Amino acid sequence: MSTPPNERRSLEAELAEIRGPDRGYWREIQSGSPRRTRREQLEWQIREREKRLADVRARLAAIRAETR
């Protein structure tokens, strides 16, 4: 069964959205200014985004393999 094109497009859009904020999070951590709780929150957000990024990439790869 083929995946609807709108699912592929929505995953590609999500992939683009996920990548952006991580740079800002890393810059804030590396600047040395965040308090410990803020740093932990940023690190958690980065880990969650990395997990989601891996999931979205895997789903897109499956969709692309399915259409070949």
C-alpha atoms as a PDB file:
ATOM      1  CA  MET A   1       0.000   0.000   0.000  1.00  0.00           C
ATOM      2  CA  SER A   2       1.344   3.405  -0.968  1.00  0.00           C
ATOM      3  CA  THR A   3       1.765   6.208   1.562  1.00  0.00           C
ATOM      4  CA  PRO A   4      -0.291   9.320   0.875  1.00  0.00           C
ATOM      5  CA  PRO A   5       1.846  12.183  -0.456  1.00  0.00           C
ATOM      6  CA  ASN A   6       0.590  14.560   2.223  1.00  0.00           C
ATOM      7  CA  GLU A   7       2.168  12.350   4.923  1.00  0.00           C
ATOM      8  CA  ARG A   8       5.506  12.542   3.156  1.00  0.00           C
ATOM      9  CA  ARG A   9       5.215  16.321   2.796  1.00  0.00           C
ATOM     10  CA  SER A  10       4.246  16.766   6.436  1.00  0.00           C
ATOM     11  CA  LEU A  11       7.229  14.661   7.565  1.00  0.00           C
ATOM     12  CA  GLU A  12       9.573  16.679   5.352  1.00  0.00           C
ATOM     13  CA  ALA A  13       8.193  19.919   6.814  1.00  0.00           C
ATOM     14  CA  GLU A  14       8.602  18.562  10.348  1.00  0.00           C
ATOM     15  CA  LEU A  15      12.171  17.547   9.533  1.00  0.00           C
ATOM     16  CA  ALA A  16      12.950  21.134   8.508  1.00  0.00           C
ATOM     17  CA  GLU A  17      11.330  22.497  11.687  1.00  0.00           C
ATOM     18  CA  ILE A  18      13.195  20.122  13.999  1.00  0.00           C
ATOM     19  CA  ARG A  19      16.637  21.130  12.773  1.00  0.00           C
ATOM     20  CA  GLY A  20      16.398  24.857  13.498  1.00  0.00           C
ATOM     21  CA  PRO A  21      16.043  25.339  17.265  1.00  0.00           C
ATOM     22  CA  ASP A  22      18.866  22.943  18.201  1.00  0.00           C
ATOM     23  CA  ARG A  23      21.490  25.433  17.040  1.00  0.00           C
ATOM     24  CA  GLY A  24      20.098  28.069  19.370  1.00  0.00           C
ATOM     25  CA  TYR A  25      19.952  25.602  22.249  1.00  0.00           C
ATOM     26  CA  TRP A  26      23.598  24.621  21.715  1.00  0.00           C
ATOM     27  CA  ARG A  27      24.687  28.256  21.471  1.00  0.00           C
ATOM     28  CA  GLU A  28      22.960  29.024  24.763  1.00  0.00           C
ATOM     29  CA  ILE A  29      24.606  26.046  26.472  1.00  0.00           C
ATOM     30  CA  GLN A  30      28.063  26.861  25.101  1.00  0.00           C
ATOM     31  CA  SER A  31      27.831  30.502  26.114  1.00  0.00           C
ATOM     32  CA  GLY A  32      28.125  29.306  29.704  1.00  0.00           C
ATOM     33  CA  SER A  33      25.386  31.610  30.902  1.00  0.00           C
ATOM     34  CA  PRO A  34      22.403  29.304  31.604  1.00  0.00           C
ATOM     35  CA  ARG A  35      21.657  28.235  35.147  1.00  0.00           C
ATOM     36  CA  ARG A  36      21.932  24.551  35.909  1.00  0.00           C
ATOM     37  CA  THR A  37      18.174  23.939  35.620  1.00  0.00           C
ATOM     38  CA  ARG A  38      18.001  25.839  32.324  1.00  0.00           C
ATOM     39  CA  ARG A  39      20.987  23.898  30.979  1.00  0.00           C
ATOM     40  CA  GLU A  40      19.341  20.603  31.957  1.00  0.00           C
ATOM     41  CA  GLN A  41      16.128  21.692  30.261  1.00  0.00           C
ATOM     42  CA  LEU A  42      18.011  22.611  27.084  1.00  0.00           C
ATOM     43  CA  GLU A  43      19.882  19.305  27.102  1.00  0.00           C
ATOM     44  CA  TRP A  44      16.582  17.434  27.512  1.00  0.00           C
ATOM     45  CA  GLN A  45      15.026  19.370  24.620  1.00  0.00           C
ATOM     46  CA  ILE A  46      18.014  18.568  22.423  1.00  0.00           C
ATOM     47  CA  ARG A  47      17.789  14.841  23.265  1.00  0.00           C
ATOM     48  CA  GLU A  48      14.042  14.794  22.530  1.00  0.00           C
ATOM     49  CA  ARG A  49      14.538  16.580  19.213  1.00  0.00           C
ATOM     50  CA  GLU A  50      17.315  14.161  18.250  1.00  0.00           C
ATOM     51  CA  LYS A  51      15.005  11.221  18.983  1.00  0.00           C
ATOM     52  CA  ARG A  52      12.215  12.773  16.931  1.00  0.00           C
ATOM     53  CA  LEU A  53      14.644  13.586  14.131  1.00  0.00           C
ATOM     54  CA  ALA A  54      15.750   9.950  13.963  1.00  0.00           C
ATOM     55  CA  ASP A  55      12.118   8.806  13.905  1.00  0.00           C
ATOM     56  CA  VAL A  56      11.142  11.211  11.125  1.00  0.00           C
ATOM     57  CA  ARG A  57      14.197  10.245   9.054  1.00  0.00           C
ATOM     58  CA  ALA A  58      13.375   6.539   9.458  1.00  0.00           C
ATOM     59  CA  ARG A  59       9.752   7.071   8.441  1.00  0.00           C
ATOM     60  CA  LEU A  60      10.782   9.129   5.400  1.00  0.00           C
ATOM     61  CA  ALA A  61      13.290   6.447   4.389  1.00  0.00           C
ATOM     62  CA  ALA A  62      10.557   3.818   4.633  1.00  0.00           C
ATOM     63  CA  ILE A  63       8.200   5.913   2.526  1.00  0.00           C
ATOM     64  CA  ARG A  64      10.890   6.514  -0.113  1.00  0.00           C
ATOM     65  CA  ALA A  65      11.782   2.813  -0.201  1.00  0.00           C
ATOM     66  CA  GLU A  66       8.102   1.958  -0.568  1.00  0.00           C
ATOM     67  CA  THR A  67       7.696   4.197  -3.621  1.00  0.00           C
ATOM     68  CA  ARG A  68      10.644   2.691  -5.493  1.00  0.00           C
END
